[in-house]
Amino acid sequence: MTIDSTTAATPALDSRTDFSIDALAWDKQGGLLPVVVQDAATLRVLMLGYIDRAALQATLASRRVTFFSRSKGRLWTKGESSGHFLDLVSLQADCDDDTLLALVRPNGPTCHLGRTSCFEQAPGGFLAELEALIERRERERPADSYTTRLFDAGTRAIAQKVGEEGVETALAAVAQDLQAVRNESADLLYHLLVLLRARGLALDEVVAVLRERHRPG
């Protein structure tokens, strides 16, 4: 069962997925359900919290993840003090209806120690992290940044650079060693991400096309 941020959901029921709060296994753990929180872009696990009915209703109504804090004994919206809110993308229950998975867009570090994740070594998708860095470079334009120089040069110049890197990658694959292929491929991927950003596109949109084209079997 999934609640997606694109659907017009009431706190109790999502009209598209029939996600019912009452169907969840509240009695197993005294009215609380664990919630695994995952970055929707990088897929890094950010934290684990607990939610009761009221916190779930608040989460769905505000689209910001709200927990029941066992130490505070009350509802607690992540970021209410720090401003590092967790904007809800989607929410789904597991096969036993006793654990929730929240995909979110974090506004700053999740961990109280200032780390991205409460699990310091939690794996994540590096391309999404690189894409986020490129987005910041475009917005902030630090003077000493190569990425800034690319954006300042304009889309045509970036596209030309992608073409050059594509040719260099192809040549390396034919005539050079594996490390050269790795290096040229990395250059190509980086410049492609910059080009996508310059055109107002996200890597997820390209992945969606690949997913749509994919036919298992």
C-alpha atoms as a PDB file:
ATOM      1  CA  MET A   1       0.000   0.000   0.000  1.00  0.00           C
ATOM      2  CA  THR A   2       1.348   3.387  -0.972  1.00  0.00           C
ATOM      3  CA  ILE A   3       0.365   6.988  -0.533  1.00  0.00           C
ATOM      4  CA  ASP A   4       1.930   9.172  -3.201  1.00  0.00           C
ATOM      5  CA  SER A   5       2.379  12.928  -2.888  1.00  0.00           C
ATOM      6  CA  THR A   6       0.747  13.474  -6.262  1.00  0.00           C
ATOM      7  CA  THR A   7      -2.606  12.140  -5.115  1.00  0.00           C
ATOM      8  CA  ALA A   8      -5.275  14.110  -3.308  1.00  0.00           C
ATOM      9  CA  ALA A   9      -5.408  12.140  -0.079  1.00  0.00           C
ATOM     10  CA  THR A  10      -7.429  12.641   3.062  1.00  0.00           C
ATOM     11  CA  PRO A  11      -5.668  11.842   6.325  1.00  0.00           C
ATOM     12  CA  ALA A  12      -7.451   8.485   6.577  1.00  0.00           C
ATOM     13  CA  LEU A  13      -7.629   7.196   3.034  1.00  0.00           C
ATOM     14  CA  ASP A  14      -5.860   7.675  -0.282  1.00  0.00           C
ATOM     15  CA  SER A  15      -8.429   7.426  -3.075  1.00  0.00           C
ATOM     16  CA  ARG A  16      -5.981   5.926  -5.583  1.00  0.00           C
ATOM     17  CA  THR A  17      -4.347   3.214  -3.462  1.00  0.00           C
ATOM     18  CA  ASP A  18      -6.934   2.476  -0.745  1.00  0.00           C
ATOM     19  CA  PHE A  19      -4.289   3.052   1.910  1.00  0.00           C
ATOM     20  CA  SER A  20      -6.342   2.833   5.094  1.00  0.00           C
ATOM     21  CA  ILE A  21      -4.983   3.940   8.438  1.00  0.00           C
ATOM     22  CA  ASP A  22      -7.340   1.508  10.144  1.00  0.00           C
ATOM     23  CA  ALA A  23      -5.835  -1.439   8.224  1.00  0.00           C
ATOM     24  CA  LEU A  24      -2.408  -0.926   9.828  1.00  0.00           C
ATOM     25  CA  ALA A  25      -1.353  -3.251  12.644  1.00  0.00           C
ATOM     26  CA  TRP A  26      -1.506  -0.703  15.453  1.00  0.00           C
ATOM     27  CA  ASP A  27      -2.029  -3.278  18.216  1.00  0.00           C
ATOM     28  CA  LYS A  28       1.287  -5.076  17.709  1.00  0.00           C
ATOM     29  CA  GLN A  29       3.417  -2.393  19.399  1.00  0.00           C
ATOM     30  CA  GLY A  30       1.060  -0.498  21.638  1.00  0.00           C
ATOM     31  CA  GLY A  31      -0.278   1.881  19.027  1.00  0.00           C
ATOM     32  CA  LEU A  32       3.086   2.748  17.483  1.00  0.00           C
ATOM     33  CA  LEU A  33       4.580   1.778  14.127  1.00  0.00           C
ATOM     34  CA  PRO A  34       8.279   2.094  13.190  1.00  0.00           C
ATOM     35  CA  VAL A  35       8.958   4.347  10.217  1.00  0.00           C
ATOM     36  CA  VAL A  36      12.060   3.902   8.073  1.00  0.00           C
ATOM     37  CA  VAL A  37      12.889   7.247   6.455  1.00  0.00           C
ATOM     38  CA  GLN A  38      14.698   7.176   3.110  1.00  0.00           C
ATOM     39  CA  ASP A  39      15.948   9.988   0.860  1.00  0.00           C
ATOM     40  CA  ALA A  40      13.841   9.855  -2.302  1.00  0.00           C
ATOM     41  CA  ALA A  41      16.746  11.027  -4.479  1.00  0.00           C
ATOM     42  CA  THR A  42      19.762   9.148  -3.126  1.00  0.00           C
ATOM     43  CA  LEU A  43      17.838   6.257  -1.515  1.00  0.00           C
ATOM     44  CA  ARG A  44      20.038   6.631   1.569  1.00  0.00           C
ATOM     45  CA  VAL A  45      18.338   5.533   4.789  1.00  0.00           C
ATOM     46  CA  LEU A  46      18.181   8.670   6.944  1.00  0.00           C
ATOM     47  CA  MET A  47      16.641   7.629  10.252  1.00  0.00           C
ATOM     48  CA  LEU A  48      14.170   5.433  12.104  1.00  0.00           C
ATOM     49  CA  GLY A  49      11.268   6.890  14.061  1.00  0.00           C
ATOM     50  CA  TYR A  50       7.902   5.891  15.479  1.00  0.00           C
ATOM     51  CA  ILE A  51       4.459   7.072  14.503  1.00  0.00           C
ATOM     52  CA  ASP A  52       0.990   6.798  16.011  1.00  0.00           C
ATOM     53  CA  ARG A  53      -2.363   7.498  14.380  1.00  0.00           C
ATOM     54  CA  ALA A  54      -2.276  11.212  15.173  1.00  0.00           C
ATOM     55  CA  ALA A  55       1.278  11.568  13.890  1.00  0.00           C
ATOM     56  CA  LEU A  56       0.373   9.744  10.677  1.00  0.00           C
ATOM     57  CA  GLN A  57      -2.626  12.013  10.153  1.00  0.00           C
ATOM     58  CA  ALA A  58      -0.448  15.067  10.767  1.00  0.00           C
ATOM     59  CA  THR A  59       2.149  13.767   8.310  1.00  0.00           C
ATOM     60  CA  LEU A  60      -0.433  13.251   5.570  1.00  0.00           C
ATOM     61  CA  ALA A  61      -2.075  16.611   6.203  1.00  0.00           C
ATOM     62  CA  SER A  62       1.128  18.688   6.261  1.00  0.00           C
ATOM     63  CA  ARG A  63       3.258  16.560   3.880  1.00  0.00           C
ATOM     64  CA  ARG A  64       6.047  16.845   6.474  1.00  0.00           C
ATOM     65  CA  VAL A  65       7.009  13.783   8.485  1.00  0.00           C
ATOM     66  CA  THR A  66       5.732  13.909  12.052  1.00  0.00           C
ATOM     67  CA  PHE A  67       6.626  11.280  14.627  1.00  0.00           C
ATOM     68  CA  PHE A  68       5.455  10.358  18.083  1.00  0.00           C
ATOM     69  CA  SER A  69       8.445  11.109  20.301  1.00  0.00           C
ATOM     70  CA  ARG A  70       8.695   8.475  23.014  1.00  0.00           C
ATOM     71  CA  SER A  71      11.133  10.613  25.004  1.00  0.00           C
ATOM     72  CA  LYS A  72       9.018  13.789  24.762  1.00  0.00           C
ATOM     73  CA  GLY A  73       5.714  11.958  25.040  1.00  0.00           C
ATOM     74  CA  ARG A  74       4.139  14.021  22.245  1.00  0.00           C
ATOM     75  CA  LEU A  75       3.929  14.524  18.506  1.00  0.00           C
ATOM     76  CA  TRP A  76       7.185  15.805  17.050  1.00  0.00           C
ATOM     77  CA  THR A  77       7.615  17.150  13.535  1.00  0.00           C
ATOM     78  CA  LYS A  78      11.174  16.525  12.390  1.00  0.00           C
ATOM     79  CA  GLY A  79      12.750  19.957  11.849  1.00  0.00           C
ATOM     80  CA  GLU A  80      10.421  21.901  14.114  1.00  0.00           C
ATOM     81  CA  SER A  81      13.463  23.345  15.925  1.00  0.00           C
ATOM     82  CA  SER A  82      16.237  23.096  13.306  1.00  0.00           C
ATOM     83  CA  GLY A  83      14.209  23.827  10.178  1.00  0.00           C
ATOM     84  CA  HIS A  84      15.479  20.577   8.675  1.00  0.00           C
ATOM     85  CA  PHE A  85      12.050  19.272   7.740  1.00  0.00           C
ATOM     86  CA  LEU A  86      11.448  15.998   5.924  1.00  0.00           C
ATOM     87  CA  ASP A  87       9.102  16.752   3.022  1.00  0.00           C
ATOM     88  CA  LEU A  88       7.030  13.681   2.284  1.00  0.00           C
ATOM     89  CA  VAL A  89       7.196  12.187  -1.215  1.00  0.00           C
ATOM     90  CA  SER A  90       5.466   8.870  -0.580  1.00  0.00           C
ATOM     91  CA  LEU A  91       4.523   6.541   2.225  1.00  0.00           C
ATOM     92  CA  GLN A  92       3.993   2.797   2.102  1.00  0.00           C
ATOM     93  CA  ALA A  93       3.362  -0.077   4.486  1.00  0.00           C
ATOM     94  CA  ASP A  94       5.252  -3.352   4.489  1.00  0.00           C
ATOM     95  CA  CYS A  95       3.737  -6.781   3.816  1.00  0.00           C
ATOM     96  CA  ASP A  96       2.623  -7.188   7.448  1.00  0.00           C
ATOM     97  CA  ASP A  97       1.182  -3.660   7.736  1.00  0.00           C
ATOM     98  CA  ASP A  98       3.284  -3.065  10.856  1.00  0.00           C
ATOM     99  CA  THR A  99       6.145  -0.923   9.470  1.00  0.00           C
ATOM    100  CA  LEU A 100       6.111   2.163   7.241  1.00  0.00           C
ATOM    101  CA  LEU A 101       8.600   3.386   4.654  1.00  0.00           C
ATOM    102  CA  ALA A 102       8.660   7.145   4.078  1.00  0.00           C
ATOM    103  CA  LEU A 103      10.405   8.535   1.012  1.00  0.00           C
ATOM    104  CA  VAL A 104      11.301  12.155   1.683  1.00  0.00           C
ATOM    105  CA  ARG A 105      13.138  15.209   0.472  1.00  0.00           C
ATOM    106  CA  PRO A 106      15.253  16.354   3.421  1.00  0.00           C
ATOM    107  CA  ASN A 107      15.808  20.055   4.060  1.00  0.00           C
ATOM    108  CA  GLY A 108      19.292  19.830   5.522  1.00  0.00           C
ATOM    109  CA  PRO A 109      20.992  17.142   7.596  1.00  0.00           C
ATOM    110  CA  THR A 110      18.721  14.620   9.283  1.00  0.00           C
ATOM    111  CA  CYS A 111      21.001  13.604  12.149  1.00  0.00           C
ATOM    112  CA  HIS A 112      21.251  15.845  15.234  1.00  0.00           C
ATOM    113  CA  LEU A 113      25.049  15.563  14.841  1.00  0.00           C
ATOM    114  CA  GLY A 114      24.812  17.455  11.557  1.00  0.00           C
ATOM    115  CA  ARG A 115      25.207  14.367   9.373  1.00  0.00           C
ATOM    116  CA  THR A 116      23.097  13.552   6.356  1.00  0.00           C
ATOM    117  CA  SER A 117      21.947  10.308   7.959  1.00  0.00           C
ATOM    118  CA  CYS A 118      21.694   8.994  11.498  1.00  0.00           C
ATOM    119  CA  PHE A 119      23.415   5.910  10.051  1.00  0.00           C
ATOM    120  CA  GLU A 120      26.810   7.365   9.210  1.00  0.00           C
ATOM    121  CA  GLN A 121      27.807   4.662   6.729  1.00  0.00           C
ATOM    122  CA  ALA A 122      24.389   4.204   5.126  1.00  0.00           C
ATOM    123  CA  PRO A 123      24.865   3.675   1.382  1.00  0.00           C
ATOM    124  CA  GLY A 124      23.245   5.963  -1.154  1.00  0.00           C
ATOM    125  CA  GLY A 125      23.255   6.863  -4.816  1.00  0.00           C
ATOM    126  CA  PHE A 126      26.287   9.042  -5.546  1.00  0.00           C
ATOM    127  CA  LEU A 127      24.938  10.326  -8.883  1.00  0.00           C
ATOM    128  CA  ALA A 128      22.006  11.895  -7.048  1.00  0.00           C
ATOM    129  CA  GLU A 129      24.425  13.550  -4.604  1.00  0.00           C
ATOM    130  CA  LEU A 130      26.503  14.852  -7.509  1.00  0.00           C
ATOM    131  CA  GLU A 131      23.374  16.141  -9.216  1.00  0.00           C
ATOM    132  CA  ALA A 132      22.433  18.019  -6.044  1.00  0.00           C
ATOM    133  CA  LEU A 133      25.914  19.563  -5.904  1.00  0.00           C
ATOM    134  CA  ILE A 134      25.642  20.660  -9.551  1.00  0.00           C
ATOM    135  CA  GLU A 135      22.277  22.254  -8.763  1.00  0.00           C
ATOM    136  CA  ARG A 136      23.856  24.216  -5.903  1.00  0.00           C
ATOM    137  CA  ARG A 137      26.715  25.325  -8.145  1.00  0.00           C
ATOM    138  CA  GLU A 138      24.242  26.643 -10.708  1.00  0.00           C
ATOM    139  CA  ARG A 139      22.326  28.520  -8.040  1.00  0.00           C
ATOM    140  CA  GLU A 140      25.243  29.898  -6.028  1.00  0.00           C
ATOM    141  CA  ARG A 141      27.884  30.286  -8.791  1.00  0.00           C
ATOM    142  CA  PRO A 142      31.048  30.200  -6.628  1.00  0.00           C
ATOM    143  CA  ALA A 143      33.839  31.961  -8.508  1.00  0.00           C
ATOM    144  CA  ASP A 144      36.436  29.187  -8.175  1.00  0.00           C
ATOM    145  CA  SER A 145      34.175  26.390  -9.477  1.00  0.00           C
ATOM    146  CA  TYR A 146      34.665  24.613 -12.813  1.00  0.00           C
ATOM    147  CA  THR A 147      30.939  23.873 -12.827  1.00  0.00           C
ATOM    148  CA  THR A 148      30.234  27.600 -12.521  1.00  0.00           C
ATOM    149  CA  ARG A 149      32.398  28.261 -15.572  1.00  0.00           C
ATOM    150  CA  LEU A 150      30.431  25.681 -17.528  1.00  0.00           C
ATOM    151  CA  PHE A 151      27.099  27.280 -16.641  1.00  0.00           C
ATOM    152  CA  ASP A 152      28.485  30.734 -17.441  1.00  0.00           C
ATOM    153  CA  ALA A 153      29.545  29.468 -20.881  1.00  0.00           C
ATOM    154  CA  GLY A 154      25.963  28.477 -21.711  1.00  0.00           C
ATOM    155  CA  THR A 155      24.090  25.434 -22.951  1.00  0.00           C
ATOM    156  CA  ARG A 156      25.719  25.309 -26.372  1.00  0.00           C
ATOM    157  CA  ALA A 157      29.222  25.183 -24.873  1.00  0.00           C
ATOM    158  CA  ILE A 158      28.156  22.526 -22.349  1.00  0.00           C
ATOM    159  CA  ALA A 159      26.621  20.438 -25.142  1.00  0.00           C
ATOM    160  CA  GLN A 160      29.845  20.698 -27.109  1.00  0.00           C
ATOM    161  CA  LYS A 161      31.767  19.489 -24.066  1.00  0.00           C
ATOM    162  CA  VAL A 162      29.433  16.487 -23.737  1.00  0.00           C
ATOM    163  CA  GLY A 163      30.104  15.665 -27.380  1.00  0.00           C
ATOM    164  CA  GLU A 164      33.857  15.846 -26.843  1.00  0.00           C
ATOM    165  CA  GLU A 165      33.678  13.639 -23.768  1.00  0.00           C
ATOM    166  CA  GLY A 166      31.507  11.139 -25.647  1.00  0.00           C
ATOM    167  CA  VAL A 167      34.102  10.828 -28.410  1.00  0.00           C
ATOM    168  CA  GLU A 168      36.931  10.506 -25.878  1.00  0.00           C
ATOM    169  CA  THR A 169      35.025   7.769 -24.058  1.00  0.00           C
ATOM    170  CA  ALA A 170      34.454   5.856 -27.289  1.00  0.00           C
ATOM    171  CA  LEU A 171      38.119   6.158 -28.285  1.00  0.00           C
ATOM    172  CA  ALA A 172      39.269   5.034 -24.845  1.00  0.00           C
ATOM    173  CA  ALA A 173      37.008   1.977 -25.072  1.00  0.00           C
ATOM    174  CA  VAL A 174      38.631   0.988 -28.360  1.00  0.00           C
ATOM    175  CA  ALA A 175      42.269   1.914 -27.861  1.00  0.00           C
ATOM    176  CA  GLN A 176      43.125   2.457 -24.189  1.00  0.00           C
ATOM    177  CA  ASP A 177      43.213   0.547 -20.917  1.00  0.00           C
ATOM    178  CA  LEU A 178      40.304   0.054 -18.538  1.00  0.00           C
ATOM    179  CA  GLN A 179      41.315   2.891 -16.225  1.00  0.00           C
ATOM    180  CA  ALA A 180      41.170   5.315 -19.151  1.00  0.00           C
ATOM    181  CA  VAL A 181      37.669   4.056 -19.949  1.00  0.00           C
ATOM    182  CA  ARG A 182      36.655   4.620 -16.331  1.00  0.00           C
ATOM    183  CA  ASN A 183      38.082   8.135 -16.298  1.00  0.00           C
ATOM    184  CA  GLU A 184      36.524   9.190 -19.594  1.00  0.00           C
ATOM    185  CA  SER A 185      33.175   7.662 -18.632  1.00  0.00           C
ATOM    186  CA  ALA A 186      33.222   9.622 -15.372  1.00  0.00           C
ATOM    187  CA  ASP A 187      33.936  12.840 -17.305  1.00  0.00           C
ATOM    188  CA  LEU A 188      31.057  12.075 -19.672  1.00  0.00           C
ATOM    189  CA  LEU A 189      28.565  11.401 -16.878  1.00  0.00           C
ATOM    190  CA  TYR A 190      29.517  14.568 -15.033  1.00  0.00           C
ATOM    191  CA  HIS A 191      29.192  16.808 -18.072  1.00  0.00           C
ATOM    192  CA  LEU A 192      25.895  15.132 -19.025  1.00  0.00           C
ATOM    193  CA  LEU A 193      24.498  15.963 -15.576  1.00  0.00           C
ATOM    194  CA  VAL A 194      25.537  19.578 -16.063  1.00  0.00           C
ATOM    195  CA  LEU A 195      23.852  19.653 -19.466  1.00  0.00           C
ATOM    196  CA  LEU A 196      20.649  18.185 -18.062  1.00  0.00           C
ATOM    197  CA  ARG A 197      20.626  20.832 -15.348  1.00  0.00           C
ATOM    198  CA  ALA A 198      21.242  23.586 -17.898  1.00  0.00           C
ATOM    199  CA  ARG A 199      18.156  22.401 -19.781  1.00  0.00           C
ATOM    200  CA  GLY A 200      16.074  22.213 -16.603  1.00  0.00           C
ATOM    201  CA  LEU A 201      15.975  18.418 -16.547  1.00  0.00           C
ATOM    202  CA  ALA A 202      16.691  15.955 -13.745  1.00  0.00           C
ATOM    203  CA  LEU A 203      18.417  12.598 -13.883  1.00  0.00           C
ATOM    204  CA  ASP A 204      15.228  10.980 -12.561  1.00  0.00           C
ATOM    205  CA  GLU A 205      13.436  12.032 -15.745  1.00  0.00           C
ATOM    206  CA  VAL A 206      15.987  10.163 -17.862  1.00  0.00           C
ATOM    207  CA  VAL A 207      15.776   7.134 -15.588  1.00  0.00           C
ATOM    208  CA  ALA A 208      11.981   7.227 -15.941  1.00  0.00           C
ATOM    209  CA  VAL A 209      12.345   6.946 -19.722  1.00  0.00           C
ATOM    210  CA  LEU A 210      14.653   3.954 -19.327  1.00  0.00           C
ATOM    211  CA  ARG A 211      12.242   2.351 -16.876  1.00  0.00           C
ATOM    212  CA  GLU A 212       9.339   2.884 -19.269  1.00  0.00           C
ATOM    213  CA  ARG A 213      11.304   1.290 -22.102  1.00  0.00           C
ATOM    214  CA  HIS A 214      12.328  -1.682 -19.986  1.00  0.00           C
ATOM    215  CA  ARG A 215      10.346  -4.841 -20.577  1.00  0.00           C
ATOM    216  CA  PRO A 216      11.374  -7.693 -18.260  1.00  0.00           C
ATOM    217  CA  GLY A 217      12.032 -11.027 -19.895  1.00  0.00           C
END
